[in-house]
Amino acid sequence: MKEKIKQFLDTDLLENYLLGTTTELESLKVEQYIAMYPEVREAYNELQESLEIFAKLHAIKSPEGLKEKITARIKSERAGRKKFFRFAIAASIVAMIFAGSSYFFS
């Protein structure tokens, strides 16, 4: 059994699984090994932590003021949507009035 685990850990399936480059069948196999064998689960957790540390070390800092620009744009789009909905409601009411008046006069 230990040989089977060692062979699995020697393949790149666990690393590829973490990177999201495995097929569906390979993903199922990796998930099965993680669930069944504590050694594989431990190796998976170590790889995951290492990948997270690597990502944090090589992360690119976002430009200053980006968050404020994004929130301002979202607020302006929301204001535009409110205006659109007001016009849509008004147009619906006018359409109902025309429909009612045409029914009444015919």
N, C-alpha and C. Protein backbone atom coordinates (compact mmCIF):
# COMPACT_ATOMS: atom_id res chain seq x y z
N MET A 1 0.82 -1.19 0.00
CA MET A 1 0.00 0.00 0.00
C MET A 1 0.87 1.26 0.00
N LYS A 2 1.94 1.24 0.77
CA LYS A 2 2.84 2.40 0.82
C LYS A 2 3.46 2.66 -0.54
N GLU A 3 3.74 1.60 -1.28
CA GLU A 3 4.33 1.76 -2.62
C GLU A 3 3.34 2.48 -3.55
N LYS A 4 2.07 2.15 -3.40
CA LYS A 4 1.04 2.78 -4.21
C LYS A 4 0.97 4.29 -3.92
N ILE A 5 1.05 4.65 -2.66
CA ILE A 5 1.03 6.06 -2.27
C ILE A 5 2.28 6.76 -2.77
N LYS A 6 3.43 6.10 -2.64
CA LYS A 6 4.69 6.69 -3.10
C LYS A 6 4.66 6.93 -4.60
N GLN A 7 4.13 5.97 -5.36
CA GLN A 7 4.02 6.14 -6.81
C GLN A 7 3.09 7.30 -7.16
N PHE A 8 1.99 7.42 -6.41
CA PHE A 8 1.06 8.52 -6.66
C PHE A 8 1.71 9.86 -6.37
N LEU A 9 2.44 9.95 -5.27
CA LEU A 9 3.08 11.21 -4.91
C LEU A 9 4.22 11.57 -5.86
N ASP A 10 4.82 10.56 -6.48
CA ASP A 10 5.88 10.82 -7.45
C ASP A 10 5.35 11.38 -8.76
N THR A 11 4.10 11.12 -9.06
CA THR A 11 3.51 11.72 -10.26
C THR A 11 3.22 13.19 -9.99
N ASP A 12 2.90 13.92 -11.01
CA ASP A 12 2.59 15.34 -10.86
C ASP A 12 1.10 15.60 -10.73
N LEU A 13 0.33 14.57 -10.46
CA LEU A 13 -1.12 14.74 -10.41
C LEU A 13 -1.54 15.69 -9.30
N LEU A 14 -0.91 15.59 -8.14
CA LEU A 14 -1.29 16.45 -7.03
C LEU A 14 -1.00 17.92 -7.33
N GLU A 15 0.16 18.18 -7.91
CA GLU A 15 0.53 19.56 -8.27
C GLU A 15 -0.39 20.09 -9.36
N ASN A 16 -0.67 19.25 -10.36
CA ASN A 16 -1.55 19.66 -11.44
C ASN A 16 -2.98 19.89 -10.94
N TYR A 17 -3.39 19.10 -9.96
CA TYR A 17 -4.71 19.28 -9.37
C TYR A 17 -4.81 20.63 -8.68
N LEU A 18 -3.77 21.00 -7.97
CA LEU A 18 -3.75 22.31 -7.30
C LEU A 18 -3.79 23.45 -8.31
N LEU A 19 -3.14 23.26 -9.44
CA LEU A 19 -3.11 24.31 -10.47
C LEU A 19 -4.36 24.29 -11.35
N GLY A 20 -5.17 23.24 -11.23
CA GLY A 20 -6.40 23.15 -12.00
C GLY A 20 -6.20 22.69 -13.42
N THR A 21 -5.14 21.91 -13.68
CA THR A 21 -4.86 21.47 -15.04
C THR A 21 -5.09 19.97 -15.24
N THR A 22 -5.86 19.36 -14.35
CA THR A 22 -6.13 17.93 -14.51
C THR A 22 -7.47 17.73 -15.21
N THR A 23 -7.61 16.55 -15.80
CA THR A 23 -8.89 16.19 -16.41
C THR A 23 -9.86 15.82 -15.29
N GLU A 24 -11.11 15.61 -15.66
CA GLU A 24 -12.12 15.27 -14.66
C GLU A 24 -11.81 13.92 -14.00
N LEU A 25 -11.34 12.97 -14.79
CA LEU A 25 -11.02 11.66 -14.26
C LEU A 25 -9.82 11.73 -13.31
N GLU A 26 -8.80 12.51 -13.69
CA GLU A 26 -7.64 12.67 -12.82
C GLU A 26 -8.02 13.40 -11.54
N SER A 27 -8.90 14.38 -11.64
CA SER A 27 -9.35 15.10 -10.44
C SER A 27 -10.07 14.17 -9.48
N LEU A 28 -10.90 13.30 -10.02
CA LEU A 28 -11.60 12.34 -9.17
C LEU A 28 -10.62 11.40 -8.47
N LYS A 29 -9.60 10.98 -9.21
CA LYS A 29 -8.59 10.09 -8.63
C LYS A 29 -7.84 10.79 -7.50
N VAL A 30 -7.45 12.05 -7.73
CA VAL A 30 -6.72 12.80 -6.71
C VAL A 30 -7.60 13.00 -5.48
N GLU A 31 -8.85 13.37 -5.68
CA GLU A 31 -9.75 13.58 -4.56
C GLU A 31 -9.98 12.29 -3.77
N GLN A 32 -10.01 11.18 -4.48
CA GLN A 32 -10.16 9.88 -3.81
C GLN A 32 -8.93 9.58 -2.96
N TYR A 33 -7.73 9.82 -3.50
CA TYR A 33 -6.51 9.58 -2.75
C TYR A 33 -6.41 10.51 -1.54
N ILE A 34 -6.82 11.76 -1.70
CA ILE A 34 -6.79 12.71 -0.58
C ILE A 34 -7.72 12.25 0.53
N ALA A 35 -8.89 11.74 0.16
CA ALA A 35 -9.86 11.30 1.14
C ALA A 35 -9.43 10.00 1.83
N MET A 36 -8.74 9.13 1.10
CA MET A 36 -8.41 7.81 1.64
C MET A 36 -7.12 7.76 2.43
N TYR A 37 -6.11 8.52 2.02
CA TYR A 37 -4.79 8.37 2.61
C TYR A 37 -4.34 9.65 3.30
N PRO A 38 -4.07 9.58 4.60
CA PRO A 38 -3.62 10.77 5.33
C PRO A 38 -2.29 11.33 4.82
N GLU A 39 -1.41 10.47 4.30
CA GLU A 39 -0.13 10.94 3.78
C GLU A 39 -0.34 11.86 2.57
N VAL A 40 -1.27 11.46 1.72
CA VAL A 40 -1.57 12.26 0.53
C VAL A 40 -2.24 13.56 0.95
N ARG A 41 -3.13 13.50 1.94
CA ARG A 41 -3.80 14.70 2.43
C ARG A 41 -2.78 15.68 3.01
N GLU A 42 -1.82 15.15 3.74
CA GLU A 42 -0.77 15.99 4.33
C GLU A 42 0.09 16.64 3.24
N ALA A 43 0.46 15.86 2.22
CA ALA A 43 1.23 16.41 1.11
C ALA A 43 0.42 17.47 0.36
N TYR A 44 -0.87 17.22 0.20
CA TYR A 44 -1.75 18.19 -0.47
C TYR A 44 -1.80 19.50 0.32
N ASN A 45 -1.96 19.40 1.64
CA ASN A 45 -2.02 20.60 2.46
C ASN A 45 -0.70 21.37 2.41
N GLU A 46 0.42 20.66 2.42
CA GLU A 46 1.73 21.32 2.34
C GLU A 46 1.90 22.03 0.99
N LEU A 47 1.53 21.35 -0.07
CA LEU A 47 1.61 21.98 -1.40
C LEU A 47 0.71 23.20 -1.50
N GLN A 48 -0.46 23.10 -0.92
CA GLN A 48 -1.40 24.21 -0.97
C GLN A 48 -0.84 25.42 -0.20
N GLU A 49 -0.25 25.18 0.95
CA GLU A 49 0.36 26.26 1.72
C GLU A 49 1.54 26.87 0.98
N SER A 50 2.35 26.02 0.36
CA SER A 50 3.50 26.51 -0.40
C SER A 50 3.05 27.36 -1.58
N LEU A 51 2.00 26.92 -2.26
CA LEU A 51 1.49 27.69 -3.39
C LEU A 51 0.93 29.04 -2.93
N GLU A 52 0.28 29.04 -1.79
CA GLU A 52 -0.25 30.29 -1.25
C GLU A 52 0.87 31.26 -0.88
N ILE A 53 1.91 30.75 -0.27
CA ILE A 53 3.07 31.59 0.10
C ILE A 53 3.73 32.13 -1.16
N PHE A 54 3.90 31.28 -2.17
CA PHE A 54 4.50 31.72 -3.42
C PHE A 54 3.67 32.82 -4.08
N ALA A 55 2.36 32.63 -4.07
CA ALA A 55 1.47 33.61 -4.69
C ALA A 55 1.54 34.95 -3.95
N LYS A 56 1.62 34.90 -2.62
CA LYS A 56 1.71 36.14 -1.84
C LYS A 56 3.04 36.84 -2.06
N LEU A 57 4.12 36.07 -2.22
CA LEU A 57 5.43 36.67 -2.43
C LEU A 57 5.53 37.36 -3.78
N HIS A 58 4.86 36.81 -4.78
CA HIS A 58 4.97 37.33 -6.13
C HIS A 58 3.72 38.10 -6.57
N ALA A 59 2.91 38.49 -5.61
CA ALA A 59 1.70 39.24 -5.94
C ALA A 59 2.08 40.66 -6.38
N ILE A 60 1.30 41.19 -7.29
CA ILE A 60 1.52 42.54 -7.78
C ILE A 60 0.57 43.48 -7.03
N LYS A 61 1.11 44.53 -6.50
CA LYS A 61 0.31 45.51 -5.76
C LYS A 61 -0.59 46.26 -6.73
N SER A 62 -1.84 46.44 -6.34
CA SER A 62 -2.77 47.16 -7.20
C SER A 62 -2.45 48.66 -7.17
N PRO A 63 -2.78 49.35 -8.25
CA PRO A 63 -2.51 50.79 -8.31
C PRO A 63 -3.28 51.56 -7.23
N GLU A 64 -2.69 52.65 -6.79
CA GLU A 64 -3.34 53.48 -5.77
C GLU A 64 -4.64 54.06 -6.33
N GLY A 65 -5.67 54.09 -5.51
CA GLY A 65 -6.93 54.70 -5.91
C GLY A 65 -7.82 53.83 -6.78
N LEU A 66 -7.41 52.60 -7.04
CA LEU A 66 -8.21 51.73 -7.91
C LEU A 66 -9.56 51.40 -7.29
N LYS A 67 -9.55 51.13 -5.98
CA LYS A 67 -10.80 50.79 -5.30
C LYS A 67 -11.79 51.95 -5.37
N GLU A 68 -11.30 53.17 -5.18
CA GLU A 68 -12.18 54.34 -5.23
C GLU A 68 -12.76 54.52 -6.63
N LYS A 69 -11.93 54.29 -7.65
CA LYS A 69 -12.42 54.42 -9.03
C LYS A 69 -13.51 53.40 -9.32
N ILE A 70 -13.31 52.17 -8.86
CA ILE A 70 -14.29 51.11 -9.09
C ILE A 70 -15.60 51.41 -8.38
N THR A 71 -15.52 51.82 -7.11
CA THR A 71 -16.75 52.12 -6.37
C THR A 71 -17.48 53.32 -6.96
N ALA A 72 -16.74 54.33 -7.44
CA ALA A 72 -17.39 55.48 -8.07
C ALA A 72 -18.10 55.07 -9.35
N ARG A 73 -17.49 54.20 -10.12
CA ARG A 73 -18.12 53.75 -11.36
C ARG A 73 -19.37 52.92 -11.08
N ILE A 74 -19.30 52.08 -10.06
CA ILE A 74 -20.47 51.28 -9.70
C ILE A 74 -21.61 52.18 -9.27
N LYS A 75 -21.31 53.19 -8.46
CA LYS A 75 -22.35 54.12 -8.02
C LYS A 75 -22.97 54.86 -9.19
N SER A 76 -22.14 55.27 -10.15
CA SER A 76 -22.69 55.99 -11.31
C SER A 76 -23.56 55.07 -12.17
N GLU A 77 -23.18 53.79 -12.29
CA GLU A 77 -24.00 52.85 -13.05
C GLU A 77 -25.31 52.57 -12.34
N ARG A 78 -25.28 52.52 -11.01
CA ARG A 78 -26.52 52.31 -10.27
C ARG A 78 -27.46 53.49 -10.46
N ALA A 79 -26.92 54.70 -10.47
CA ALA A 79 -27.75 55.88 -10.68
C ALA A 79 -28.38 55.83 -12.07
N GLY A 80 -27.62 55.38 -13.07
CA GLY A 80 -28.16 55.24 -14.42
C GLY A 80 -29.26 54.20 -14.49
N ARG A 81 -29.11 53.15 -13.74
CA ARG A 81 -30.14 52.10 -13.72
C ARG A 81 -31.42 52.60 -13.07
N LYS A 82 -31.27 53.38 -12.00
CA LYS A 82 -32.46 53.93 -11.35
C LYS A 82 -33.23 54.80 -12.32
N LYS A 83 -32.50 55.62 -13.08
CA LYS A 83 -33.15 56.49 -14.05
C LYS A 83 -33.85 55.65 -15.12
N PHE A 84 -33.20 54.58 -15.58
CA PHE A 84 -33.79 53.70 -16.59
C PHE A 84 -35.08 53.07 -16.07
N PHE A 85 -35.06 52.59 -14.83
CA PHE A 85 -36.24 51.95 -14.27
C PHE A 85 -37.38 52.94 -14.11
N ARG A 86 -37.08 54.16 -13.76
CA ARG A 86 -38.13 55.18 -13.65
C ARG A 86 -38.78 55.40 -15.00
N PHE A 87 -37.97 55.52 -16.05
CA PHE A 87 -38.51 55.70 -17.40
C PHE A 87 -39.30 54.47 -17.84
N ALA A 88 -38.83 53.29 -17.47
CA ALA A 88 -39.52 52.06 -17.84
C ALA A 88 -40.88 51.98 -17.17
N ILE A 89 -40.96 52.36 -15.91
CA ILE A 89 -42.24 52.35 -15.19
C ILE A 89 -43.19 53.38 -15.80
N ALA A 90 -42.67 54.55 -16.09
CA ALA A 90 -43.51 55.59 -16.71
C ALA A 90 -44.02 55.13 -18.07
N ALA A 91 -43.17 54.50 -18.87
CA ALA A 91 -43.58 54.01 -20.18
C ALA A 91 -44.63 52.92 -20.04
N SER A 92 -44.51 52.08 -19.03
CA SER A 92 -45.50 51.02 -18.81
C SER A 92 -46.85 51.61 -18.43
N ILE A 93 -46.83 52.62 -17.59
CA ILE A 93 -48.08 53.26 -17.17
C ILE A 93 -48.75 53.93 -18.37
N VAL A 94 -47.97 54.62 -19.19
CA VAL A 94 -48.52 55.26 -20.38
C VAL A 94 -49.09 54.22 -21.33
N ALA A 95 -48.41 53.10 -21.50
CA ALA A 95 -48.90 52.03 -22.38
C ALA A 95 -50.22 51.47 -21.85
N MET A 96 -50.35 51.31 -20.53
CA MET A 96 -51.61 50.81 -19.96
C MET A 96 -52.73 51.82 -20.15
N ILE A 97 -52.40 53.11 -20.01
CA ILE A 97 -53.43 54.14 -20.23
C ILE A 97 -53.91 54.10 -21.68
N PHE A 98 -52.98 54.01 -22.63
CA PHE A 98 -53.37 53.93 -24.04
C PHE A 98 -54.19 52.67 -24.32
N ALA A 99 -53.79 51.55 -23.74
CA ALA A 99 -54.53 50.30 -23.95
C ALA A 99 -55.93 50.42 -23.37
N GLY A 100 -56.03 51.01 -22.18
CA GLY A 100 -57.34 51.17 -21.53
C GLY A 100 -58.22 52.14 -22.31
N SER A 101 -57.63 53.22 -22.78
CA SER A 101 -58.44 54.19 -23.52
C SER A 101 -58.89 53.63 -24.87
N SER A 102 -58.04 52.86 -25.53
CA SER A 102 -58.46 52.27 -26.81
C SER A 102 -59.55 51.23 -26.59
N TYR A 103 -59.51 50.50 -25.49
CA TYR A 103 -60.58 49.55 -25.17
C TYR A 103 -61.87 50.31 -24.83
N PHE A 104 -61.73 51.40 -24.09
CA PHE A 104 -62.89 52.18 -23.67
C PHE A 104 -63.57 52.84 -24.86
N PHE A 105 -62.79 53.36 -25.81
CA PHE A 105 -63.36 54.09 -26.95
C PHE A 105 -63.76 53.19 -28.11
N SER A 106 -63.45 51.91 -28.06
CA SER A 106 -63.83 51.06 -29.19
C SER A 106 -65.08 50.29 -28.93
